Amino acid sequence: MDINYKQCAINCVGGDTLKQYQKQFDECNQDFDLLFSSDTGDEDFYRRIIEPGHIYETGYPRCICWQNNDSIDKCECSRQAIIYLYSQLLPNREITVETIQTVRMGAESCRFRIILR
């Protein structure tokens, strides 16, 4: 069965999560660096600036995919969700998301690198 991870991600984060991200982004005057330097309000989730205006990192200590299976492929859904969320905030920027590590791949946390062009 071929899974459309992009659609899965949109279904997962396209509602309330997107609204929450948009609210935070607006509160930061739509400044991506300010968004990534602000407190997320969640001690288990982080955002970090690697290179201002260009490279960022985000992550969490456990898999947050709502699906109840241990497939490593679900990490692709998380990656697609990050692409979707930030492309909605920055529709005129090209966004690439690289998986650095995931819990389902044996790491202690999930980490993703976000590159803006």
PDB file of N, CA and C in Angstrom:
ATOM      1  N   MET A   1       0.845  -1.183   0.000  1.00  0.00           N
ATOM      2  CA  MET A   1       0.000   0.000   0.000  1.00  0.00           C
ATOM      3  C   MET A   1       0.887   1.243   0.000  1.00  0.00           C
ATOM      4  N   ASP A   2       0.717   2.092  -0.984  1.00  0.00           N
ATOM      5  CA  ASP A   2       1.492   3.321  -1.110  1.00  0.00           C
ATOM      6  C   ASP A   2       0.803   4.431  -0.316  1.00  0.00           C
ATOM      7  N   ILE A   3       1.504   5.018   0.626  1.00  0.00           N
ATOM      8  CA  ILE A   3       0.926   6.045   1.488  1.00  0.00           C
ATOM      9  C   ILE A   3       1.331   7.416   0.968  1.00  0.00           C
ATOM     10  N   ASN A   4       0.365   8.333   0.902  1.00  0.00           N
ATOM     11  CA  ASN A   4       0.634   9.708   0.523  1.00  0.00           C
ATOM     12  C   ASN A   4       0.946  10.477   1.810  1.00  0.00           C
ATOM     13  N   TYR A   5       2.229  10.588   2.138  1.00  0.00           N
ATOM     14  CA  TYR A   5       2.627  11.214   3.402  1.00  0.00           C
ATOM     15  C   TYR A   5       2.302  12.701   3.438  1.00  0.00           C
ATOM     16  N   LYS A   6       2.358  13.360   2.297  1.00  0.00           N
ATOM     17  CA  LYS A   6       2.008  14.784   2.258  1.00  0.00           C
ATOM     18  C   LYS A   6       0.546  14.968   2.669  1.00  0.00           C
ATOM     19  N   GLN A   7      -0.345  14.179   2.115  1.00  0.00           N
ATOM     20  CA  GLN A   7      -1.765  14.298   2.464  1.00  0.00           C
ATOM     21  C   GLN A   7      -2.003  13.891   3.917  1.00  0.00           C
ATOM     22  N   CYS A   8      -1.304  12.866   4.368  1.00  0.00           N
ATOM     23  CA  CYS A   8      -1.401  12.441   5.769  1.00  0.00           C
ATOM     24  C   CYS A   8      -1.008  13.601   6.689  1.00  0.00           C
ATOM     25  N   ALA A   9       0.074  14.281   6.343  1.00  0.00           N
ATOM     26  CA  ALA A   9       0.554  15.409   7.149  1.00  0.00           C
ATOM     27  C   ALA A   9      -0.445  16.545   7.154  1.00  0.00           C
ATOM     28  N   ILE A  10      -1.009  16.867   5.990  1.00  0.00           N
ATOM     29  CA  ILE A  10      -1.999  17.947   5.908  1.00  0.00           C
ATOM     30  C   ILE A  10      -3.215  17.596   6.756  1.00  0.00           C
ATOM     31  N   ASN A  11      -3.658  16.355   6.681  1.00  0.00           N
ATOM     32  CA  ASN A  11      -4.800  15.922   7.490  1.00  0.00           C
ATOM     33  C   ASN A  11      -4.495  16.041   8.979  1.00  0.00           C
ATOM     34  N   CYS A  12      -3.244  15.780   9.352  1.00  0.00           N
ATOM     35  CA  CYS A  12      -2.841  15.780  10.760  1.00  0.00           C
ATOM     36  C   CYS A  12      -2.693  17.194  11.322  1.00  0.00           C
ATOM     37  N   VAL A  13      -2.040  18.082  10.578  1.00  0.00           N
ATOM     38  CA  VAL A  13      -1.701  19.401  11.141  1.00  0.00           C
ATOM     39  C   VAL A  13      -2.398  20.567  10.449  1.00  0.00           C
ATOM     40  N   GLY A  14      -3.253  20.290   9.478  1.00  0.00           N
ATOM     41  CA  GLY A  14      -3.876  21.353   8.704  1.00  0.00           C
ATOM     42  C   GLY A  14      -4.958  22.137   9.417  1.00  0.00           C
ATOM     43  N   GLY A  15      -5.397  21.695  10.570  1.00  0.00           N
ATOM     44  CA  GLY A  15      -6.469  22.377  11.296  1.00  0.00           C
ATOM     45  C   GLY A  15      -5.946  23.230  12.440  1.00  0.00           C
ATOM     46  N   ASP A  16      -6.160  22.749  13.662  1.00  0.00           N
ATOM     47  CA  ASP A  16      -5.801  23.510  14.864  1.00  0.00           C
ATOM     48  C   ASP A  16      -4.304  23.771  14.975  1.00  0.00           C
ATOM     49  N   THR A  17      -3.480  22.803  14.591  1.00  0.00           N
ATOM     50  CA  THR A  17      -2.036  22.986  14.689  1.00  0.00           C
ATOM     51  C   THR A  17      -1.591  24.135  13.795  1.00  0.00           C
ATOM     52  N   LEU A  18      -2.078  24.167  12.557  1.00  0.00           N
ATOM     53  CA  LEU A  18      -1.736  25.260  11.651  1.00  0.00           C
ATOM     54  C   LEU A  18      -2.210  26.595  12.213  1.00  0.00           C
ATOM     55  N   LYS A  19      -3.397  26.636  12.774  1.00  0.00           N
ATOM     56  CA  LYS A  19      -3.917  27.878  13.381  1.00  0.00           C
ATOM     57  C   LYS A  19      -3.012  28.344  14.521  1.00  0.00           C
ATOM     58  N   GLN A  20      -2.548  27.404  15.347  1.00  0.00           N
ATOM     59  CA  GLN A  20      -1.661  27.735  16.460  1.00  0.00           C
ATOM     60  C   GLN A  20      -0.331  28.284  15.938  1.00  0.00           C
ATOM     61  N   TYR A  21       0.237  27.648  14.924  1.00  0.00           N
ATOM     62  CA  TYR A  21       1.493  28.124  14.341  1.00  0.00           C
ATOM     63  C   TYR A  21       1.306  29.509  13.719  1.00  0.00           C
ATOM     64  N   GLN A  22       0.196  29.707  13.012  1.00  0.00           N
ATOM     65  CA  GLN A  22      -0.064  31.001  12.385  1.00  0.00           C
ATOM     66  C   GLN A  22      -0.200  32.089  13.448  1.00  0.00           C
ATOM     67  N   LYS A  23      -0.866  31.776  14.552  1.00  0.00           N
ATOM     68  CA  LYS A  23      -1.025  32.737  15.650  1.00  0.00           C
ATOM     69  C   LYS A  23       0.342  33.108  16.230  1.00  0.00           C
ATOM     70  N   GLN A  24       1.180  32.099  16.488  1.00  0.00           N
ATOM     71  CA  GLN A  24       2.523  32.358  17.020  1.00  0.00           C
ATOM     72  C   GLN A  24       3.345  33.193  16.037  1.00  0.00           C
ATOM     73  N   PHE A  25       3.245  32.878  14.759  1.00  0.00           N
ATOM     74  CA  PHE A  25       3.991  33.594  13.724  1.00  0.00           C
ATOM     75  C   PHE A  25       3.532  35.050  13.652  1.00  0.00           C
ATOM     76  N   ASP A  26       2.233  35.268  13.718  1.00  0.00           N
ATOM     77  CA  ASP A  26       1.692  36.633  13.704  1.00  0.00           C
ATOM     78  C   ASP A  26       2.130  37.405  14.948  1.00  0.00           C
ATOM     79  N   GLU A  27       2.152  36.734  16.100  1.00  0.00           N
ATOM     80  CA  GLU A  27       2.601  37.374  17.339  1.00  0.00           C
ATOM     81  C   GLU A  27       4.077  37.764  17.263  1.00  0.00           C
ATOM     82  N   CYS A  28       4.824  37.110  16.392  1.00  0.00           N
ATOM     83  CA  CYS A  28       6.248  37.420  16.183  1.00  0.00           C
ATOM     84  C   CYS A  28       6.430  38.357  14.976  1.00  0.00           C
ATOM     85  N   ASN A  29       5.355  39.055  14.611  1.00  0.00           N
ATOM     86  CA  ASN A  29       5.380  39.983  13.468  1.00  0.00           C
ATOM     87  C   ASN A  29       5.853  39.306  12.187  1.00  0.00           C
ATOM     88  N   GLN A  30       5.501  38.046  12.041  1.00  0.00           N
ATOM     89  CA  GLN A  30       5.859  37.221  10.882  1.00  0.00           C
ATOM     90  C   GLN A  30       7.366  37.198  10.627  1.00  0.00           C
ATOM     91  N   ASP A  31       8.103  37.212  11.718  1.00  0.00           N
ATOM     92  CA  ASP A  31       9.565  37.131  11.677  1.00  0.00           C
ATOM     93  C   ASP A  31       9.955  35.705  12.071  1.00  0.00           C
ATOM     94  N   PHE A  32      10.459  34.943  11.105  1.00  0.00           N
ATOM     95  CA  PHE A  32      10.775  33.529  11.334  1.00  0.00           C
ATOM     96  C   PHE A  32      11.854  33.354  12.398  1.00  0.00           C
ATOM     97  N   ASP A  33      12.859  34.223  12.395  1.00  0.00           N
ATOM     98  CA  ASP A  33      13.908  34.130  13.419  1.00  0.00           C
ATOM     99  C   ASP A  33      13.327  34.384  14.807  1.00  0.00           C
ATOM    100  N   LEU A  34      12.443  35.350  14.910  1.00  0.00           N
ATOM    101  CA  LEU A  34      11.811  35.630  16.200  1.00  0.00           C
ATOM    102  C   LEU A  34      10.946  34.446  16.640  1.00  0.00           C
ATOM    103  N   LEU A  35      10.237  33.856  15.686  1.00  0.00           N
ATOM    104  CA  LEU A  35       9.432  32.671  16.001  1.00  0.00           C
ATOM    105  C   LEU A  35      10.312  31.563  16.573  1.00  0.00           C
ATOM    106  N   PHE A  36      11.450  31.319  15.951  1.00  0.00           N
ATOM    107  CA  PHE A  36      12.325  30.237  16.384  1.00  0.00           C
ATOM    108  C   PHE A  36      13.109  30.563  17.651  1.00  0.00           C
ATOM    109  N   SER A  37      13.156  31.820  18.034  1.00  0.00           N
ATOM    110  CA  SER A  37      13.833  32.172  19.281  1.00  0.00           C
ATOM    111  C   SER A  37      12.843  32.337  20.431  1.00  0.00           C
ATOM    112  N   SER A  38      11.544  32.254  20.141  1.00  0.00           N
ATOM    113  CA  SER A  38      10.542  32.414  21.189  1.00  0.00           C
ATOM    114  C   SER A  38      10.254  31.091  21.881  1.00  0.00           C
ATOM    115  N   ASP A  39       9.748  31.185  23.101  1.00  0.00           N
ATOM    116  CA  ASP A  39       9.397  30.012  23.889  1.00  0.00           C
ATOM    117  C   ASP A  39       8.220  29.303  23.237  1.00  0.00           C
ATOM    118  N   THR A  40       8.319  28.010  23.056  1.00  0.00           N
ATOM    119  CA  THR A  40       7.243  27.249  22.425  1.00  0.00           C
ATOM    120  C   THR A  40       6.093  26.989  23.392  1.00  0.00           C
ATOM    121  N   GLY A  41       6.342  27.131  24.692  1.00  0.00           N
ATOM    122  CA  GLY A  41       5.322  26.830  25.675  1.00  0.00           C
ATOM    123  C   GLY A  41       5.211  25.340  25.965  1.00  0.00           C
ATOM    124  N   ASP A  42       6.075  24.555  25.368  1.00  0.00           N
ATOM    125  CA  ASP A  42       6.055  23.105  25.532  1.00  0.00           C
ATOM    126  C   ASP A  42       7.485  22.644  25.786  1.00  0.00           C
ATOM    127  N   GLU A  43       7.754  22.172  26.995  1.00  0.00           N
ATOM    128  CA  GLU A  43       9.126  21.788  27.353  1.00  0.00           C
ATOM    129  C   GLU A  43       9.636  20.593  26.556  1.00  0.00           C
ATOM    130  N   ASP A  44       8.731  19.843  25.910  1.00  0.00           N
ATOM    131  CA  ASP A  44       9.143  18.681  25.126  1.00  0.00           C
ATOM    132  C   ASP A  44       9.387  18.998  23.651  1.00  0.00           C
ATOM    133  N   PHE A  45       9.193  20.241  23.261  1.00  0.00           N
ATOM    134  CA  PHE A  45       9.319  20.632  21.862  1.00  0.00           C
ATOM    135  C   PHE A  45      10.278  21.810  21.789  1.00  0.00           C
ATOM    136  N   TYR A  46      11.180  21.789  20.833  1.00  0.00           N
ATOM    137  CA  TYR A  46      12.096  22.922  20.737  1.00  0.00           C
ATOM    138  C   TYR A  46      12.260  23.386  19.296  1.00  0.00           C
ATOM    139  N   ARG A  47      12.669  24.635  19.177  1.00  0.00           N
ATOM    140  CA  ARG A  47      13.049  25.235  17.899  1.00  0.00           C
ATOM    141  C   ARG A  47      14.357  25.970  18.153  1.00  0.00           C
ATOM    142  N   ARG A  48      15.268  25.891  17.164  1.00  0.00           N
ATOM    143  CA  ARG A  48      16.571  26.528  17.339  1.00  0.00           C
ATOM    144  C   ARG A  48      17.013  27.118  15.999  1.00  0.00           C
ATOM    145  N   ILE A  49      17.623  28.289  16.076  1.00  0.00           N
ATOM    146  CA  ILE A  49      18.191  28.920  14.901  1.00  0.00           C
ATOM    147  C   ILE A  49      19.626  28.421  14.742  1.00  0.00           C
ATOM    148  N   ILE A  50      19.951  27.891  13.576  1.00  0.00           N
ATOM    149  CA  ILE A  50      21.313  27.455  13.270  1.00  0.00           C
ATOM    150  C   ILE A  50      22.032  28.581  12.513  1.00  0.00           C
ATOM    151  N   GLU A  51      21.385  29.101  11.487  1.00  0.00           N
ATOM    152  CA  GLU A  51      21.909  30.222  10.704  1.00  0.00           C
ATOM    153  C   GLU A  51      20.737  31.155  10.420  1.00  0.00           C
ATOM    154  N   PRO A  52      20.686  32.348  11.062  1.00  0.00           N
ATOM    155  CA  PRO A  52      19.536  33.247  10.926  1.00  0.00           C
ATOM    156  C   PRO A  52      19.137  33.465   9.463  1.00  0.00           C
ATOM    157  N   GLY A  53      17.828  33.398   9.246  1.00  0.00           N
ATOM    158  CA  GLY A  53      17.284  33.614   7.921  1.00  0.00           C
ATOM    159  C   GLY A  53      17.430  32.446   6.965  1.00  0.00           C
ATOM    160  N   HIS A  54      18.076  31.362   7.426  1.00  0.00           N
ATOM    161  CA  HIS A  54      18.367  30.291   6.477  1.00  0.00           C
ATOM    162  C   HIS A  54      18.211  28.870   7.026  1.00  0.00           C
ATOM    163  N   ILE A  55      18.820  28.556   8.162  1.00  0.00           N
ATOM    164  CA  ILE A  55      18.807  27.168   8.660  1.00  0.00           C
ATOM    165  C   ILE A  55      18.311  27.136  10.104  1.00  0.00           C
ATOM    166  N   TYR A  56      17.401  26.202  10.356  1.00  0.00           N
ATOM    167  CA  TYR A  56      16.772  26.065  11.666  1.00  0.00           C
ATOM    168  C   TYR A  56      16.697  24.587  12.031  1.00  0.00           C
ATOM    169  N   GLU A  57      16.400  24.320  13.288  1.00  0.00           N
ATOM    170  CA  GLU A  57      16.219  22.942  13.734  1.00  0.00           C
ATOM    171  C   GLU A  57      15.015  22.891  14.660  1.00  0.00           C
ATOM    172  N   THR A  58      14.283  21.813  14.575  1.00  0.00           N
ATOM    173  CA  THR A  58      13.149  21.604  15.463  1.00  0.00           C
ATOM    174  C   THR A  58      13.149  20.148  15.892  1.00  0.00           C
ATOM    175  N   GLY A  59      12.536  19.863  17.020  1.00  0.00           N
ATOM    176  CA  GLY A  59      12.506  18.479  17.472  1.00  0.00           C
ATOM    177  C   GLY A  59      11.694  18.275  18.729  1.00  0.00           C
ATOM    178  N   TYR A  60      11.603  17.010  19.105  1.00  0.00           N
ATOM    179  CA  TYR A  60      10.839  16.594  20.275  1.00  0.00           C
ATOM    180  C   TYR A  60      11.383  15.248  20.745  1.00  0.00           C
ATOM    181  N   PRO A  61      11.159  14.897  22.024  1.00  0.00           N
ATOM    182  CA  PRO A  61      11.805  13.715  22.595  1.00  0.00           C
ATOM    183  C   PRO A  61      11.134  12.379  22.288  1.00  0.00           C
ATOM    184  N   ARG A  62       9.997  12.400  21.628  1.00  0.00           N
ATOM    185  CA  ARG A  62       9.301  11.155  21.333  1.00  0.00           C
ATOM    186  C   ARG A  62       8.557  11.321  20.011  1.00  0.00           C
ATOM    187  N   CYS A  63       8.168  10.232  19.434  1.00  0.00           N
ATOM    188  CA  CYS A  63       7.397  10.286  18.197  1.00  0.00           C
ATOM    189  C   CYS A  63       6.008  10.836  18.518  1.00  0.00           C
ATOM    190  N   ILE A  64       5.574  11.817  17.761  1.00  0.00           N
ATOM    191  CA  ILE A  64       4.258  12.418  18.021  1.00  0.00           C
ATOM    192  C   ILE A  64       3.222  12.029  16.973  1.00  0.00           C
ATOM    193  N   CYS A  65       3.559  11.077  16.127  1.00  0.00           N
ATOM    194  CA  CYS A  65       2.610  10.616  15.113  1.00  0.00           C
ATOM    195  C   CYS A  65       1.448   9.908  15.808  1.00  0.00           C
ATOM    196  N   TRP A  66       0.250  10.265  15.441  1.00  0.00           N
ATOM    197  CA  TRP A  66      -0.943   9.709  16.091  1.00  0.00           C
ATOM    198  C   TRP A  66      -1.238   8.269  15.677  1.00  0.00           C
ATOM    199  N   GLN A  67      -0.623   7.810  14.610  1.00  0.00           N
ATOM    200  CA  GLN A  67      -0.900   6.457  14.148  1.00  0.00           C
ATOM    201  C   GLN A  67      -0.222   5.441  15.061  1.00  0.00           C
ATOM    202  N   ASN A  68      -0.911   4.366  15.337  1.00  0.00           N
ATOM    203  CA  ASN A  68      -0.424   3.373  16.300  1.00  0.00           C
ATOM    204  C   ASN A  68       0.365   2.250  15.649  1.00  0.00           C
ATOM    205  N   ASN A  69       1.396   2.605  14.916  1.00  0.00           N
ATOM    206  CA  ASN A  69       2.290   1.544  14.468  1.00  0.00           C
ATOM    207  C   ASN A  69       3.713   2.077  14.519  1.00  0.00           C
ATOM    208  N   ASP A  70       4.653   1.189  14.546  1.00  0.00           N
ATOM    209  CA  ASP A  70       6.041   1.566  14.772  1.00  0.00           C
ATOM    210  C   ASP A  70       6.847   1.751  13.488  1.00  0.00           C
ATOM    211  N   SER A  71       6.178   1.965  12.387  1.00  0.00           N
ATOM    212  CA  SER A  71       6.875   2.088  11.119  1.00  0.00           C
ATOM    213  C   SER A  71       7.783   3.314  11.087  1.00  0.00           C
ATOM    214  N   ILE A  72       9.006   3.113  10.643  1.00  0.00           N
ATOM    215  CA  ILE A  72       9.931   4.233  10.455  1.00  0.00           C
ATOM    216  C   ILE A  72       9.368   5.205   9.431  1.00  0.00           C
ATOM    217  N   ASP A  73       8.541   4.701   8.507  1.00  0.00           N
ATOM    218  CA  ASP A  73       7.946   5.565   7.486  1.00  0.00           C
ATOM    219  C   ASP A  73       7.129   6.702   8.090  1.00  0.00           C
ATOM    220  N   LYS A  74       6.616   6.532   9.291  1.00  0.00           N
ATOM    221  CA  LYS A  74       5.825   7.595   9.911  1.00  0.00           C
ATOM    222  C   LYS A  74       6.674   8.840  10.141  1.00  0.00           C
ATOM    223  N   CYS A  75       7.968   8.672  10.197  1.00  0.00           N
ATOM    224  CA  CYS A  75       8.867   9.817  10.327  1.00  0.00           C
ATOM    225  C   CYS A  75       8.769  10.699   9.090  1.00  0.00           C
ATOM    226  N   GLU A  76       8.460  10.111   7.952  1.00  0.00           N
ATOM    227  CA  GLU A  76       8.255  10.898   6.736  1.00  0.00           C
ATOM    228  C   GLU A  76       7.001  11.750   6.876  1.00  0.00           C
ATOM    229  N   CYS A  77       5.995  11.252   7.537  1.00  0.00           N
ATOM    230  CA  CYS A  77       4.788  12.041   7.780  1.00  0.00           C
ATOM    231  C   CYS A  77       5.135  13.261   8.638  1.00  0.00           C
ATOM    232  N   SER A  78       5.966  13.078   9.658  1.00  0.00           N
ATOM    233  CA  SER A  78       6.405  14.203  10.493  1.00  0.00           C
ATOM    234  C   SER A  78       7.187  15.220   9.662  1.00  0.00           C
ATOM    235  N   ARG A  79       8.067  14.747   8.822  1.00  0.00           N
ATOM    236  CA  ARG A  79       8.856  15.635   7.970  1.00  0.00           C
ATOM    237  C   ARG A  79       7.936  16.421   7.035  1.00  0.00           C
ATOM    238  N   GLN A  80       6.964  15.743   6.456  1.00  0.00           N
ATOM    239  CA  GLN A  80       6.010  16.413   5.568  1.00  0.00           C
ATOM    240  C   GLN A  80       5.145  17.418   6.334  1.00  0.00           C
ATOM    241  N   ALA A  81       4.816  17.109   7.591  1.00  0.00           N
ATOM    242  CA  ALA A  81       4.027  18.041   8.402  1.00  0.00           C
ATOM    243  C   ALA A  81       4.810  19.336   8.646  1.00  0.00           C
ATOM    244  N   ILE A  82       6.086  19.216   8.911  1.00  0.00           N
ATOM    245  CA  ILE A  82       6.928  20.400   9.122  1.00  0.00           C
ATOM    246  C   ILE A  82       6.999  21.223   7.837  1.00  0.00           C
ATOM    247  N   ILE A  83       7.194  20.554   6.713  1.00  0.00           N
ATOM    248  CA  ILE A  83       7.214  21.255   5.423  1.00  0.00           C
ATOM    249  C   ILE A  83       5.891  21.988   5.223  1.00  0.00           C
ATOM    250  N   TYR A  84       4.786  21.306   5.447  1.00  0.00           N
ATOM    251  CA  TYR A  84       3.470  21.910   5.236  1.00  0.00           C
ATOM    252  C   TYR A  84       3.257  23.128   6.140  1.00  0.00           C
ATOM    253  N   LEU A  85       3.505  22.969   7.435  1.00  0.00           N
ATOM    254  CA  LEU A  85       3.270  24.069   8.370  1.00  0.00           C
ATOM    255  C   LEU A  85       4.063  25.318   7.992  1.00  0.00           C
ATOM    256  N   TYR A  86       5.358  25.144   7.769  1.00  0.00           N
ATOM    257  CA  TYR A  86       6.182  26.316   7.502  1.00  0.00           C
ATOM    258  C   TYR A  86       5.976  26.868   6.097  1.00  0.00           C
ATOM    259  N   SER A  87       5.579  26.031   5.145  1.00  0.00           N
ATOM    260  CA  SER A  87       5.282  26.557   3.807  1.00  0.00           C
ATOM    261  C   SER A  87       3.991  27.372   3.822  1.00  0.00           C
ATOM    262  N   GLN A  88       3.099  27.083   4.761  1.00  0.00           N
ATOM    263  CA  GLN A  88       1.895  27.899   4.906  1.00  0.00           C
ATOM    264  C   GLN A  88       2.232  29.263   5.507  1.00  0.00           C
ATOM    265  N   LEU A  89       3.214  29.296   6.402  1.00  0.00           N
ATOM    266  CA  LEU A  89       3.635  30.564   7.005  1.00  0.00           C
ATOM    267  C   LEU A  89       4.475  31.390   6.046  1.00  0.00           C
ATOM    268  N   LEU A  90       5.272  30.733   5.215  1.00  0.00           N
ATOM    269  CA  LEU A  90       6.189  31.412   4.288  1.00  0.00           C
ATOM    270  C   LEU A  90       5.928  30.926   2.859  1.00  0.00           C
ATOM    271  N   PRO A  91       4.788  31.282   2.281  1.00  0.00           N
ATOM    272  CA  PRO A  91       4.422  30.727   0.975  1.00  0.00           C
ATOM    273  C   PRO A  91       5.357  31.120  -0.171  1.00  0.00           C
ATOM    274  N   ASN A  92       6.136  32.162   0.001  1.00  0.00           N
ATOM    275  CA  ASN A  92       7.030  32.614  -1.066  1.00  0.00           C
ATOM    276  C   ASN A  92       8.463  32.124  -0.907  1.00  0.00           C
ATOM    277  N   ARG A  93       8.684  31.229   0.049  1.00  0.00           N
ATOM    278  CA  ARG A  93      10.034  30.686   0.279  1.00  0.00           C
ATOM    279  C   ARG A  93      10.041  29.202  -0.047  1.00  0.00           C
ATOM    280  N   GLU A  94      11.157  28.728  -0.571  1.00  0.00           N
ATOM    281  CA  GLU A  94      11.348  27.299  -0.779  1.00  0.00           C
ATOM    282  C   GLU A  94      11.819  26.713   0.550  1.00  0.00           C
ATOM    283  N   ILE A  95      11.160  25.661   0.991  1.00  0.00           N
ATOM    284  CA  ILE A  95      11.474  25.054   2.284  1.00  0.00           C
ATOM    285  C   ILE A  95      11.869  23.596   2.086  1.00  0.00           C
ATOM    286  N   THR A  96      13.031  23.251   2.613  1.00  0.00           N
ATOM    287  CA  THR A  96      13.507  21.874   2.610  1.00  0.00           C
ATOM    288  C   THR A  96      13.610  21.424   4.058  1.00  0.00           C
ATOM    289  N   VAL A  97      13.168  20.216   4.332  1.00  0.00           N
ATOM    290  CA  VAL A  97      13.285  19.660   5.683  1.00  0.00           C
ATOM    291  C   VAL A  97      14.034  18.344   5.589  1.00  0.00           C
ATOM    292  N   GLU A  98      15.114  18.260   6.357  1.00  0.00           N
ATOM    293  CA  GLU A  98      15.925  17.044   6.413  1.00  0.00           C
ATOM    294  C   GLU A  98      15.717  16.367   7.761  1.00  0.00           C
ATOM    295  N   THR A  99      15.561  15.066   7.740  1.00  0.00           N
ATOM    296  CA  THR A  99      15.473  14.296   8.983  1.00  0.00           C
ATOM    297  C   THR A  99      16.892  14.083   9.492  1.00  0.00           C
ATOM    298  N   ILE A 100      17.171  14.568  10.689  1.00  0.00           N
ATOM    299  CA  ILE A 100      18.485  14.375  11.302  1.00  0.00           C
ATOM    300  C   ILE A 100      18.502  13.047  12.045  1.00  0.00           C
ATOM    301  N   GLN A 101      17.483  12.836  12.876  1.00  0.00           N
ATOM    302  CA  GLN A 101      17.363  11.591  13.639  1.00  0.00           C
ATOM    303  C   GLN A 101      15.932  11.459  14.127  1.00  0.00           C
ATOM    304  N   THR A 102      15.518  10.219  14.415  1.00  0.00           N
ATOM    305  CA  THR A 102      14.191   9.991  14.977  1.00  0.00           C
ATOM    306  C   THR A 102      14.252   8.874  16.010  1.00  0.00           C
ATOM    307  N   VAL A 103      13.294   8.889  16.894  1.00  0.00           N
ATOM    308  CA  VAL A 103      13.177   7.846  17.906  1.00  0.00           C
ATOM    309  C   VAL A 103      12.965   6.495  17.230  1.00  0.00           C
ATOM    310  N   ARG A 104      12.162   6.478  16.185  1.00  0.00           N
ATOM    311  CA  ARG A 104      11.871   5.218  15.497  1.00  0.00           C
ATOM    312  C   ARG A 104      13.067   4.676  14.732  1.00  0.00           C
ATOM    313  N   MET A 105      14.081   5.510  14.560  1.00  0.00           N
ATOM    314  CA  MET A 105      15.321   5.048  13.940  1.00  0.00           C
ATOM    315  C   MET A 105      16.348   4.678  15.002  1.00  0.00           C
ATOM    316  N   GLY A 106      15.954   4.734  16.295  1.00  0.00           N
ATOM    317  CA  GLY A 106      16.830   4.340  17.380  1.00  0.00           C
ATOM    318  C   GLY A 106      17.481   5.483  18.137  1.00  0.00           C
ATOM    319  N   ALA A 107      17.189   6.729  17.767  1.00  0.00           N
ATOM    320  CA  ALA A 107      17.771   7.882  18.467  1.00  0.00           C
ATOM    321  C   ALA A 107      16.978   8.195  19.732  1.00  0.00           C
ATOM    322  N   GLU A 108      17.534   9.073  20.548  1.00  0.00           N
ATOM    323  CA  GLU A 108      16.864   9.464  21.786  1.00  0.00           C
ATOM    324  C   GLU A 108      15.815  10.535  21.588  1.00  0.00           C
ATOM    325  N   SER A 109      15.810  11.189  20.402  1.00  0.00           N
ATOM    326  CA  SER A 109      14.828  12.225  20.117  1.00  0.00           C
ATOM    327  C   SER A 109      14.643  12.339  18.609  1.00  0.00           C
ATOM    328  N   CYS A 110      13.630  13.086  18.227  1.00  0.00           N
ATOM    329  CA  CYS A 110      13.393  13.376  16.815  1.00  0.00           C
ATOM    330  C   CYS A 110      13.908  14.780  16.539  1.00  0.00           C
ATOM    331  N   ARG A 111      14.732  14.909  15.489  1.00  0.00           N
ATOM    332  CA  ARG A 111      15.301  16.207  15.128  1.00  0.00           C
ATOM    333  C   ARG A 111      15.218  16.380  13.614  1.00  0.00           C
ATOM    334  N   PHE A 112      14.822  17.585  13.222  1.00  0.00           N
ATOM    335  CA  PHE A 112      14.678  17.909  11.805  1.00  0.00           C
ATOM    336  C   PHE A 112      15.357  19.248  11.533  1.00  0.00           C
ATOM    337  N   ARG A 113      16.049  19.335  10.396  1.00  0.00           N
ATOM    338  CA  ARG A 113      16.689  20.584   9.961  1.00  0.00           C
ATOM    339  C   ARG A 113      15.788  21.221   8.903  1.00  0.00           C
ATOM    340  N   ILE A 114      15.527  22.506   9.049  1.00  0.00           N
ATOM    341  CA  ILE A 114      14.701  23.269   8.129  1.00  0.00           C
ATOM    342  C   ILE A 114      15.598  24.250   7.398  1.00  0.00           C
ATOM    343  N   ILE A 115      15.547  24.225   6.072  1.00  0.00           N
ATOM    344  CA  ILE A 115      16.378  25.125   5.265  1.00  0.00           C
ATOM    345  C   ILE A 115      15.442  26.003   4.436  1.00  0.00           C
ATOM    346  N   LEU A 116      15.616  27.315   4.566  1.00  0.00           N
ATOM    347  CA  LEU A 116      14.823  28.276   3.793  1.00  0.00           C
ATOM    348  C   LEU A 116      15.663  28.831   2.670  1.00  0.00           C
ATOM    349  N   ARG A 117      15.085  28.924   1.505  1.00  0.00           N
ATOM    350  CA  ARG A 117      15.755  29.541   0.359  1.00  0.00           C
ATOM    351  C   ARG A 117      14.901  30.656  -0.151  1.00  0.00           C
TER     352      ARG A 117
END
